[in-house]
Amino acid sequence: MKKFFPLLLFCIFISCGDDKPNPCIVAEDFILEELNYPAEANVSVFNCNSEENSTFNYTVWHKVEASNAFGVKKEIVFKLKLKYNGTGITTDASNWDLISVRSEEL
């Protein structure tokens, strides 16, 4: 129990400390839907940048290593426009709308 309590406090601190949505986390769900071979993709939140355009509207650039239509591993940059609906868990993709998505192989 003693080991569990500090972990619980840490989780509460992380989840309650900043209620601002992180579109990079949700973008991963939308990106995986676009890929031909999502199970083979290497998607990392560290390869992501986002910009808040207006309240709850974001542009996200996310670099992913994934197999293209021919099965060849490539780096692909995705540009997504996302809108958070303002309610619910910010990491749940069902609380977000995908406005547009574009991708380009590097």
N, C-alpha and C. Protein backbone atom coordinates (compact mmCIF):
# COMPACT_ATOMS: atom_id res chain seq x y z
N MET A 1 0.82 -1.19 0.00
CA MET A 1 0.00 0.00 0.00
C MET A 1 0.86 1.26 0.00
N LYS A 2 2.00 1.21 0.70
CA LYS A 2 2.87 2.37 0.77
C LYS A 2 3.44 2.73 -0.60
N LYS A 3 3.71 1.73 -1.43
CA LYS A 3 4.24 1.99 -2.77
C LYS A 3 3.14 2.51 -3.69
N PHE A 4 1.95 2.10 -3.48
CA PHE A 4 0.82 2.49 -4.33
C PHE A 4 0.44 3.95 -4.13
N PHE A 5 0.49 4.44 -2.90
CA PHE A 5 0.03 5.80 -2.58
C PHE A 5 0.81 6.89 -3.32
N PRO A 6 2.17 6.87 -3.35
CA PRO A 6 2.88 7.89 -4.12
C PRO A 6 2.55 7.83 -5.62
N LEU A 7 2.37 6.64 -6.15
CA LEU A 7 1.99 6.50 -7.55
C LEU A 7 0.62 7.10 -7.80
N LEU A 8 -0.30 6.88 -6.90
CA LEU A 8 -1.64 7.45 -7.02
C LEU A 8 -1.58 8.97 -6.98
N LEU A 9 -0.80 9.53 -6.07
CA LEU A 9 -0.65 10.98 -5.99
C LEU A 9 -0.04 11.54 -7.27
N PHE A 10 0.94 10.85 -7.82
CA PHE A 10 1.57 11.29 -9.06
C PHE A 10 0.55 11.31 -10.19
N CYS A 11 -0.25 10.25 -10.30
CA CYS A 11 -1.27 10.17 -11.36
C CYS A 11 -2.31 11.28 -11.20
N ILE A 12 -2.72 11.56 -10.00
CA ILE A 12 -3.69 12.62 -9.76
C ILE A 12 -3.08 13.97 -10.13
N PHE A 13 -1.83 14.18 -9.74
CA PHE A 13 -1.15 15.44 -10.05
C PHE A 13 -1.04 15.65 -11.55
N ILE A 14 -0.64 14.61 -12.28
CA ILE A 14 -0.47 14.72 -13.73
C ILE A 14 -1.82 14.97 -14.41
N SER A 15 -2.87 14.28 -14.01
CA SER A 15 -4.15 14.43 -14.68
C SER A 15 -4.88 15.70 -14.29
N CYS A 16 -4.65 16.23 -13.11
CA CYS A 16 -5.37 17.42 -12.67
C CYS A 16 -4.55 18.69 -12.82
N GLY A 17 -3.25 18.57 -13.05
CA GLY A 17 -2.40 19.74 -13.10
C GLY A 17 -2.67 20.66 -14.27
N ASP A 18 -3.02 20.12 -15.42
CA ASP A 18 -3.22 20.93 -16.60
C ASP A 18 -4.35 20.32 -17.41
N ASP A 19 -5.46 21.02 -17.48
CA ASP A 19 -6.62 20.50 -18.19
C ASP A 19 -6.59 20.83 -19.67
N LYS A 20 -5.53 21.45 -20.13
CA LYS A 20 -5.43 21.82 -21.54
C LYS A 20 -5.27 20.55 -22.38
N PRO A 21 -6.04 20.41 -23.45
CA PRO A 21 -5.94 19.21 -24.29
C PRO A 21 -4.57 19.07 -24.95
N ASN A 22 -4.13 17.85 -25.13
CA ASN A 22 -2.90 17.57 -25.85
C ASN A 22 -3.27 16.88 -27.16
N PRO A 23 -3.34 17.62 -28.26
CA PRO A 23 -3.78 17.04 -29.52
C PRO A 23 -2.82 16.00 -30.09
N CYS A 24 -1.56 16.00 -29.66
CA CYS A 24 -0.61 15.01 -30.17
C CYS A 24 -1.00 13.59 -29.77
N ILE A 25 -1.53 13.45 -28.58
CA ILE A 25 -1.95 12.12 -28.11
C ILE A 25 -3.12 11.60 -28.94
N VAL A 26 -4.10 12.44 -29.19
CA VAL A 26 -5.28 12.05 -29.95
C VAL A 26 -4.96 11.88 -31.43
N ALA A 27 -4.01 12.66 -31.94
CA ALA A 27 -3.65 12.56 -33.36
C ALA A 27 -3.18 11.15 -33.71
N GLU A 28 -2.55 10.48 -32.79
CA GLU A 28 -2.08 9.12 -33.04
C GLU A 28 -3.23 8.21 -33.45
N ASP A 29 -4.38 8.31 -32.80
CA ASP A 29 -5.53 7.48 -33.14
C ASP A 29 -5.99 7.74 -34.57
N PHE A 30 -6.07 9.02 -34.94
CA PHE A 30 -6.51 9.37 -36.29
C PHE A 30 -5.48 8.94 -37.34
N ILE A 31 -4.20 9.03 -37.02
CA ILE A 31 -3.14 8.63 -37.95
C ILE A 31 -3.21 7.13 -38.21
N LEU A 32 -3.37 6.35 -37.16
CA LEU A 32 -3.42 4.89 -37.32
C LEU A 32 -4.56 4.47 -38.24
N GLU A 33 -5.66 5.21 -38.24
CA GLU A 33 -6.79 4.91 -39.13
C GLU A 33 -6.43 5.16 -40.59
N GLU A 34 -5.46 6.03 -40.85
CA GLU A 34 -5.07 6.39 -42.21
C GLU A 34 -4.04 5.43 -42.82
N LEU A 35 -3.34 4.67 -41.98
CA LEU A 35 -2.23 3.85 -42.45
C LEU A 35 -2.69 2.52 -43.05
N ASN A 36 -1.91 2.05 -44.04
CA ASN A 36 -2.18 0.75 -44.65
C ASN A 36 -1.82 -0.40 -43.71
N TYR A 37 -0.76 -0.22 -42.92
CA TYR A 37 -0.29 -1.25 -42.00
C TYR A 37 -0.10 -0.64 -40.61
N PRO A 38 -1.19 -0.33 -39.92
CA PRO A 38 -1.07 0.36 -38.63
C PRO A 38 -0.33 -0.43 -37.56
N ALA A 39 -0.40 -1.74 -37.59
CA ALA A 39 0.26 -2.55 -36.57
C ALA A 39 1.78 -2.44 -36.66
N GLU A 40 2.31 -2.10 -37.84
CA GLU A 40 3.75 -2.01 -38.03
C GLU A 40 4.29 -0.59 -37.84
N ALA A 41 3.43 0.35 -37.55
CA ALA A 41 3.83 1.75 -37.46
C ALA A 41 4.54 2.07 -36.16
N ASN A 42 5.47 3.00 -36.26
CA ASN A 42 6.16 3.52 -35.09
C ASN A 42 5.69 4.95 -34.89
N VAL A 43 4.74 5.13 -33.98
CA VAL A 43 4.14 6.43 -33.72
C VAL A 43 4.57 6.85 -32.32
N SER A 44 5.23 8.01 -32.23
CA SER A 44 5.71 8.49 -30.95
C SER A 44 5.25 9.92 -30.72
N VAL A 45 4.78 10.20 -29.52
CA VAL A 45 4.34 11.56 -29.19
C VAL A 45 5.52 12.54 -29.22
N PHE A 46 6.75 12.04 -29.19
CA PHE A 46 7.93 12.90 -29.21
C PHE A 46 8.22 13.44 -30.62
N ASN A 47 7.59 12.85 -31.65
CA ASN A 47 7.76 13.32 -33.02
C ASN A 47 6.57 14.16 -33.45
N CYS A 48 6.06 14.96 -32.55
CA CYS A 48 4.83 15.71 -32.79
C CYS A 48 4.98 17.16 -32.34
N ASN A 49 4.40 18.04 -33.14
CA ASN A 49 4.29 19.46 -32.77
C ASN A 49 2.84 19.87 -33.01
N SER A 50 2.37 20.76 -32.17
CA SER A 50 0.99 21.23 -32.35
C SER A 50 0.92 22.72 -32.10
N GLU A 51 -0.11 23.30 -32.65
CA GLU A 51 -0.34 24.73 -32.52
C GLU A 51 -1.83 24.95 -32.33
N GLU A 52 -2.18 25.76 -31.34
CA GLU A 52 -3.59 26.08 -31.12
C GLU A 52 -3.95 27.26 -32.01
N ASN A 53 -4.86 27.04 -32.96
CA ASN A 53 -5.26 28.09 -33.90
C ASN A 53 -6.28 29.03 -33.28
N SER A 54 -7.21 28.46 -32.58
CA SER A 54 -8.21 29.20 -31.82
C SER A 54 -8.65 28.27 -30.70
N THR A 55 -9.61 28.67 -29.92
CA THR A 55 -10.02 27.86 -28.78
C THR A 55 -10.42 26.46 -29.24
N PHE A 56 -9.69 25.46 -28.77
CA PHE A 56 -9.92 24.04 -29.04
C PHE A 56 -9.74 23.64 -30.50
N ASN A 57 -9.16 24.48 -31.34
CA ASN A 57 -8.83 24.14 -32.73
C ASN A 57 -7.32 24.07 -32.86
N TYR A 58 -6.82 22.94 -33.37
CA TYR A 58 -5.38 22.71 -33.39
C TYR A 58 -4.93 22.24 -34.78
N THR A 59 -3.69 22.60 -35.10
CA THR A 59 -2.98 22.01 -36.23
C THR A 59 -1.87 21.17 -35.63
N VAL A 60 -1.76 19.94 -36.11
CA VAL A 60 -0.78 18.98 -35.58
C VAL A 60 0.09 18.47 -36.71
N TRP A 61 1.42 18.48 -36.50
CA TRP A 61 2.37 17.87 -37.42
C TRP A 61 2.98 16.70 -36.69
N HIS A 62 2.86 15.52 -37.30
CA HIS A 62 3.30 14.30 -36.62
C HIS A 62 4.11 13.45 -37.61
N LYS A 63 5.37 13.15 -37.24
CA LYS A 63 6.21 12.29 -38.07
C LYS A 63 6.08 10.85 -37.59
N VAL A 64 5.84 9.95 -38.54
CA VAL A 64 5.59 8.54 -38.23
C VAL A 64 6.45 7.68 -39.15
N GLU A 65 6.97 6.60 -38.62
CA GLU A 65 7.64 5.60 -39.46
C GLU A 65 6.63 4.48 -39.70
N ALA A 66 6.28 4.29 -40.98
CA ALA A 66 5.25 3.30 -41.30
C ALA A 66 5.49 2.75 -42.69
N SER A 67 4.86 1.62 -42.97
CA SER A 67 4.96 1.01 -44.30
C SER A 67 3.97 1.70 -45.24
N ASN A 68 4.44 2.01 -46.45
CA ASN A 68 3.56 2.63 -47.43
C ASN A 68 2.70 1.56 -48.11
N ALA A 69 2.01 1.91 -49.16
CA ALA A 69 1.09 0.99 -49.84
C ALA A 69 1.82 -0.22 -50.42
N PHE A 70 3.13 -0.08 -50.68
CA PHE A 70 3.92 -1.18 -51.23
C PHE A 70 4.60 -2.00 -50.14
N GLY A 71 4.38 -1.66 -48.89
CA GLY A 71 4.97 -2.38 -47.77
C GLY A 71 6.37 -1.93 -47.42
N VAL A 72 6.84 -0.83 -48.00
CA VAL A 72 8.18 -0.31 -47.75
C VAL A 72 8.12 0.68 -46.60
N LYS A 73 9.01 0.50 -45.60
CA LYS A 73 9.05 1.41 -44.45
C LYS A 73 9.55 2.79 -44.89
N LYS A 74 8.79 3.80 -44.54
CA LYS A 74 9.12 5.19 -44.87
C LYS A 74 8.77 6.08 -43.69
N GLU A 75 9.38 7.26 -43.68
CA GLU A 75 8.95 8.28 -42.74
C GLU A 75 7.86 9.09 -43.42
N ILE A 76 6.77 9.29 -42.71
CA ILE A 76 5.63 10.01 -43.25
C ILE A 76 5.29 11.13 -42.29
N VAL A 77 5.07 12.31 -42.83
CA VAL A 77 4.66 13.45 -42.01
C VAL A 77 3.17 13.67 -42.24
N PHE A 78 2.43 13.70 -41.15
CA PHE A 78 0.99 13.96 -41.20
C PHE A 78 0.72 15.37 -40.70
N LYS A 79 -0.17 16.05 -41.38
CA LYS A 79 -0.67 17.35 -40.91
C LYS A 79 -2.16 17.18 -40.70
N LEU A 80 -2.58 17.34 -39.45
CA LEU A 80 -3.98 17.17 -39.09
C LEU A 80 -4.54 18.47 -38.54
N LYS A 81 -5.78 18.71 -38.82
CA LYS A 81 -6.52 19.80 -38.18
C LYS A 81 -7.58 19.12 -37.32
N LEU A 82 -7.52 19.40 -36.02
CA LEU A 82 -8.39 18.76 -35.04
C LEU A 82 -9.16 19.80 -34.25
N LYS A 83 -10.33 19.41 -33.80
CA LYS A 83 -11.14 20.28 -32.94
C LYS A 83 -11.64 19.45 -31.76
N TYR A 84 -11.31 19.91 -30.57
CA TYR A 84 -11.79 19.28 -29.34
C TYR A 84 -13.17 19.85 -29.04
N ASN A 85 -14.12 18.98 -28.70
CA ASN A 85 -15.49 19.46 -28.48
C ASN A 85 -15.70 20.13 -27.13
N GLY A 86 -14.67 20.15 -26.30
CA GLY A 86 -14.74 20.88 -25.03
C GLY A 86 -15.30 20.11 -23.86
N THR A 87 -15.73 18.88 -24.08
CA THR A 87 -16.26 18.07 -22.98
C THR A 87 -15.65 16.68 -23.02
N GLY A 88 -15.63 16.03 -21.90
CA GLY A 88 -15.13 14.67 -21.83
C GLY A 88 -13.62 14.61 -21.67
N ILE A 89 -13.12 13.41 -21.69
CA ILE A 89 -11.70 13.16 -21.50
C ILE A 89 -10.93 13.66 -22.73
N THR A 90 -9.90 14.46 -22.51
CA THR A 90 -9.17 15.08 -23.62
C THR A 90 -8.33 14.09 -24.41
N THR A 91 -8.07 12.90 -23.87
CA THR A 91 -7.28 11.92 -24.60
C THR A 91 -8.14 10.89 -25.33
N ASP A 92 -9.45 11.06 -25.28
CA ASP A 92 -10.38 10.15 -25.97
C ASP A 92 -10.72 10.74 -27.33
N ALA A 93 -10.35 10.03 -28.40
CA ALA A 93 -10.55 10.52 -29.76
C ALA A 93 -12.02 10.76 -30.09
N SER A 94 -12.93 10.10 -29.40
CA SER A 94 -14.36 10.32 -29.68
C SER A 94 -14.82 11.71 -29.25
N ASN A 95 -14.00 12.41 -28.47
CA ASN A 95 -14.33 13.78 -28.04
C ASN A 95 -13.70 14.82 -28.97
N TRP A 96 -13.15 14.38 -30.08
CA TRP A 96 -12.48 15.24 -31.03
C TRP A 96 -13.09 15.05 -32.42
N ASP A 97 -12.99 16.08 -33.26
CA ASP A 97 -13.38 15.99 -34.66
C ASP A 97 -12.14 16.16 -35.51
N LEU A 98 -12.00 15.27 -36.50
CA LEU A 98 -10.92 15.39 -37.46
C LEU A 98 -11.44 16.26 -38.60
N ILE A 99 -10.88 17.44 -38.74
CA ILE A 99 -11.33 18.37 -39.77
C ILE A 99 -10.65 18.05 -41.10
N SER A 100 -9.34 17.82 -41.06
CA SER A 100 -8.62 17.45 -42.28
C SER A 100 -7.35 16.71 -41.91
N VAL A 101 -6.87 15.91 -42.88
CA VAL A 101 -5.61 15.19 -42.70
C VAL A 101 -4.91 15.13 -44.05
N ARG A 102 -3.61 15.40 -44.02
CA ARG A 102 -2.76 15.28 -45.21
C ARG A 102 -1.50 14.55 -44.80
N SER A 103 -0.94 13.80 -45.72
CA SER A 103 0.32 13.10 -45.42
C SER A 103 1.27 13.21 -46.60
N GLU A 104 2.56 13.11 -46.26
CA GLU A 104 3.59 13.19 -47.29
C GLU A 104 4.76 12.32 -46.86
N GLU A 105 5.21 11.47 -47.77
CA GLU A 105 6.39 10.64 -47.49
C GLU A 105 7.65 11.47 -47.59
N LEU A 106 8.60 11.21 -46.69
CA LEU A 106 9.90 11.91 -46.76
C LEU A 106 10.89 11.10 -47.56
